[in-house]
Protein backbone atom coordinates (compact mmCIF):
# COMPACT_ATOMS: atom_id res chain seq x y z
CA UNK A 1 112.16 109.70 -149.12
CA UNK A 2 113.95 108.82 -152.31
CA UNK A 3 116.85 106.85 -151.01
CA UNK A 4 119.93 105.69 -153.64
CA UNK A 5 121.66 102.58 -152.31
CA UNK A 6 125.15 102.33 -154.14
CA UNK A 7 125.82 99.18 -154.66
CA UNK A 8 123.35 95.87 -154.05
CA UNK A 9 124.82 93.44 -151.72
CA UNK A 10 123.53 91.74 -148.76
CA UNK A 11 123.35 95.40 -146.96
CA UNK A 12 122.54 97.16 -149.56
CA UNK A 13 119.63 94.55 -150.12
CA UNK A 14 118.53 94.34 -146.31
CA UNK A 15 118.37 98.22 -146.09
CA UNK A 16 116.62 98.78 -149.27
CA UNK A 17 114.54 96.00 -147.87
CA UNK A 18 113.81 97.38 -145.04
CA UNK A 19 112.53 101.12 -146.03
CA UNK A 20 110.47 100.30 -148.84
CA UNK A 21 108.34 98.18 -146.94
CA UNK A 22 108.23 101.69 -144.65
CA UNK A 23 107.15 103.53 -147.99
CA UNK A 24 110.85 105.49 -149.36
CA UNK A 25 111.62 105.18 -152.61
CA UNK A 26 114.32 102.83 -153.02
CA UNK A 27 116.62 103.17 -156.04
CA UNK A 28 119.88 101.35 -156.46
CA UNK A 29 122.80 102.28 -157.77
CA UNK A 30 125.50 98.84 -159.64
CA UNK A 31 127.51 99.45 -162.87
CA UNK A 32 125.82 97.57 -164.18
CA UNK A 33 122.12 97.37 -164.54
CA UNK A 34 121.61 94.94 -167.18
CA UNK A 35 123.14 92.20 -164.62
CA UNK A 36 120.94 89.35 -163.89
CA UNK A 37 121.78 89.75 -160.21
CA UNK A 38 119.63 92.80 -159.69
CA UNK A 39 116.80 91.07 -161.44
CA UNK A 40 113.85 91.33 -158.71
CA UNK A 41 115.18 94.71 -157.24
CA UNK A 42 112.72 97.10 -158.22
CA UNK A 43 115.04 100.19 -159.89
CA UNK A 44 118.16 99.48 -160.20
CA UNK A 45 120.59 102.12 -162.27
CA UNK A 46 124.06 103.57 -162.71
CA UNK A 47 125.38 105.13 -159.37
CA UNK A 48 125.34 108.33 -161.49
CA UNK A 49 121.46 107.99 -162.76
CA UNK A 50 120.57 106.58 -159.26
CA UNK A 51 121.57 109.28 -157.47
CA UNK A 52 120.99 112.72 -159.10
CA UNK A 53 117.53 112.90 -157.84
CA UNK A 54 117.89 111.37 -154.30
CA UNK A 55 118.02 113.04 -150.90
CA UNK A 56 119.69 110.35 -149.67
CA UNK A 57 123.34 108.44 -150.77
CA UNK A 58 124.11 105.53 -148.63
CA UNK A 59 127.16 103.84 -149.03
CA UNK A 60 126.98 99.97 -149.00
CA UNK A 61 129.58 98.67 -151.08
CA UNK A 62 133.53 97.86 -150.56
CA UNK A 63 135.60 100.12 -149.56
CA UNK A 64 137.70 99.53 -152.72
CA UNK A 65 134.91 100.56 -154.65
CA UNK A 66 133.88 104.21 -152.94
CA UNK A 67 136.19 106.01 -154.21
CA UNK A 68 135.14 105.54 -158.01
CA UNK A 69 131.54 105.25 -156.89
CA UNK A 70 131.16 108.49 -155.50
CA UNK A 71 133.55 109.96 -158.69
CA UNK A 72 130.44 109.68 -160.96
CA UNK A 73 127.61 110.69 -158.77
CA UNK A 74 126.71 114.12 -157.75
CA UNK A 75 126.96 114.51 -153.86
CA UNK A 76 126.66 118.47 -153.65
CA UNK A 77 123.92 118.70 -150.92
CA UNK A 78 122.58 115.73 -150.84
CA UNK A 79 122.86 112.99 -147.56
CA UNK A 80 125.74 110.79 -148.14
CA UNK A 81 125.66 107.66 -145.11
CA UNK A 82 128.82 106.03 -144.96
CA UNK A 83 128.20 102.23 -144.25
CA UNK A 84 131.28 101.27 -144.88
CA UNK A 85 133.68 100.23 -142.98
CA UNK A 86 137.58 100.46 -144.43
CA UNK A 87 138.90 97.36 -143.26
CA UNK A 88 142.45 96.90 -143.88
CA UNK A 89 143.24 100.36 -145.60
CA UNK A 90 144.33 102.65 -142.25
CA UNK A 91 144.74 106.33 -142.95
CA UNK A 92 147.96 107.38 -142.15
CA UNK A 93 146.46 111.02 -140.66
CA UNK A 94 143.97 108.33 -138.32
CA UNK A 95 141.29 109.35 -139.81
CA UNK A 96 137.80 107.36 -140.75
CA UNK A 97 136.54 106.05 -143.64
CA UNK A 98 134.06 108.53 -143.23
CA UNK A 99 136.27 111.52 -142.60
CA UNK A 100 137.52 110.24 -145.89
CA UNK A 101 134.45 110.42 -147.64
CA UNK A 102 133.66 113.75 -146.60
CA UNK A 103 136.89 114.78 -148.32
CA UNK A 104 136.08 112.93 -151.71
CA UNK A 105 132.36 114.29 -151.63
CA UNK A 106 132.80 118.04 -151.20
CA UNK A 107 129.20 119.88 -150.26
CA UNK A 108 127.46 116.62 -148.92
CA UNK A 109 126.76 116.09 -145.30
CA UNK A 110 128.14 112.95 -144.53
CA UNK A 111 126.87 110.89 -141.68
CA UNK A 112 128.15 107.29 -140.23
CA UNK A 113 125.37 104.59 -140.04
CA UNK A 114 124.55 100.82 -140.35
CA UNK A 115 129.05 100.39 -140.37
CA UNK A 116 128.74 98.32 -136.52
CA UNK A 117 125.95 95.21 -136.77
CA UNK A 118 125.45 92.63 -139.88
CA UNK A 119 123.04 92.87 -142.63
CA UNK A 120 121.34 89.70 -140.90
CA UNK A 121 120.63 92.04 -138.14
CA UNK A 122 119.80 95.22 -140.31
CA UNK A 123 116.99 92.88 -142.22
CA UNK A 124 115.51 91.39 -138.70
CA UNK A 125 116.12 93.70 -135.54
CA UNK A 126 114.28 91.54 -133.16
CA UNK A 127 116.39 90.13 -130.17
CA UNK A 128 114.45 88.65 -127.30
CA UNK A 129 117.70 90.64 -124.93
CA UNK A 130 116.58 93.85 -126.31
CA UNK A 131 116.65 96.11 -129.20
CA UNK A 132 120.31 96.98 -130.72
CA UNK A 133 122.05 99.57 -131.22
CA UNK A 134 123.33 101.40 -133.76
CA UNK A 135 125.20 104.92 -133.05
CA UNK A 136 125.48 107.50 -135.49
CA UNK A 137 127.75 110.33 -136.33
CA UNK A 138 127.49 113.30 -137.99
CA UNK A 139 129.05 117.32 -138.46
CA UNK A 140 125.13 117.80 -139.78
CA UNK A 141 122.41 117.85 -137.21
CA UNK A 142 119.58 118.12 -139.82
CA UNK A 143 121.44 115.46 -142.02
CA UNK A 144 122.10 113.51 -139.39
CA UNK A 145 118.38 113.20 -137.89
CA UNK A 146 117.65 111.96 -140.63
CA UNK A 147 118.88 109.12 -140.59
CA UNK A 148 118.74 108.23 -136.75
CA UNK A 149 114.91 108.83 -138.29
CA UNK A 150 115.75 105.90 -140.09
CA UNK A 151 117.20 103.83 -138.15
CA UNK A 152 114.85 103.79 -135.75
CA UNK A 153 112.16 102.86 -138.02
CA UNK A 154 114.38 99.80 -138.31
CA UNK A 155 114.13 98.79 -135.02
CA UNK A 156 116.94 99.91 -133.82
CA UNK A 157 117.66 101.98 -130.80
CA UNK A 158 118.99 104.80 -132.84
CA UNK A 159 121.39 107.35 -130.63
CA UNK A 160 123.51 110.22 -131.60
CA UNK A 161 127.19 109.78 -131.53
CA UNK A 162 128.73 112.93 -132.10
CA UNK A 163 130.49 113.95 -134.98
CA UNK A 164 131.50 112.63 -137.91
CA UNK A 165 134.95 112.03 -136.12
CA UNK A 166 133.63 109.93 -133.95
CA UNK A 167 133.20 107.60 -137.03
CA UNK A 168 136.71 106.37 -135.96
CA UNK A 169 134.68 105.00 -132.41
CA UNK A 170 132.29 103.72 -134.76
CA UNK A 171 134.55 101.51 -137.00
CA UNK A 172 136.46 99.96 -134.20
CA UNK A 173 133.69 99.53 -132.62
CA UNK A 174 132.80 97.55 -136.03
CA UNK A 175 136.10 95.78 -136.07
CA UNK A 176 134.78 94.24 -132.47
CA UNK A 177 131.43 93.41 -134.18
CA UNK A 178 133.43 91.42 -137.58
CA UNK A 179 135.90 89.90 -134.47
CA UNK A 180 133.15 88.38 -131.82
CA UNK A 181 131.12 86.72 -135.28
CA UNK A 182 134.22 85.44 -137.00
CA UNK A 183 134.49 83.70 -133.75
CA UNK A 184 131.81 81.70 -131.49
CA UNK A 185 129.17 83.64 -131.21
CA UNK A 186 128.18 83.89 -135.15
CA UNK A 187 126.65 87.16 -137.32
CA UNK A 188 123.39 86.69 -135.00
CA UNK A 189 124.99 89.37 -132.54
CA UNK A 190 124.78 93.07 -131.98
CA UNK A 191 126.05 95.52 -129.36
CA UNK A 192 122.98 96.77 -126.70
CA UNK A 193 123.29 99.90 -124.48
CA UNK A 194 121.59 99.46 -120.96
CA UNK A 195 121.11 102.17 -118.48
CA UNK A 196 119.77 102.79 -115.06
């Protein structure tokens, strides 16, 4: 699968390295591919070019950049995985960031995932106490199945969290993770799902 990761920060790099190691064709989309910060990343292009032949687009950038970047890429018919958290940018109508992404990317199959843990866990899912949870929300069954598979391949317990509307809950869960991570627990924490 060709995956275009829009953004090359710590989240994008962790996901890109993991999926590249599992045989996927990963390309990064950034504003200035010639910037020395991106040396050694492999394939780096401007967002529109990176997205052109991709099967999956990953939004791994600050929420403030989402609108501008989506305006540069063709999303019709593509899976757009939203890993952002619109912290400090609440929607007056109570919509999640992912629901707003769906409005900005008409024709895309938007899936919310990879917003409820830190990049450290994306890079290394091994925890002595169990398997970290990765809830995934979206309206298109095929797109959601694709993202569930990608999450599982990295070692997460990938769980279907329901329709895209459930992204509201995922973003609130992310806010809790951030609160805990900024406290005494630190960033090497993840949620897990227990059953009996």
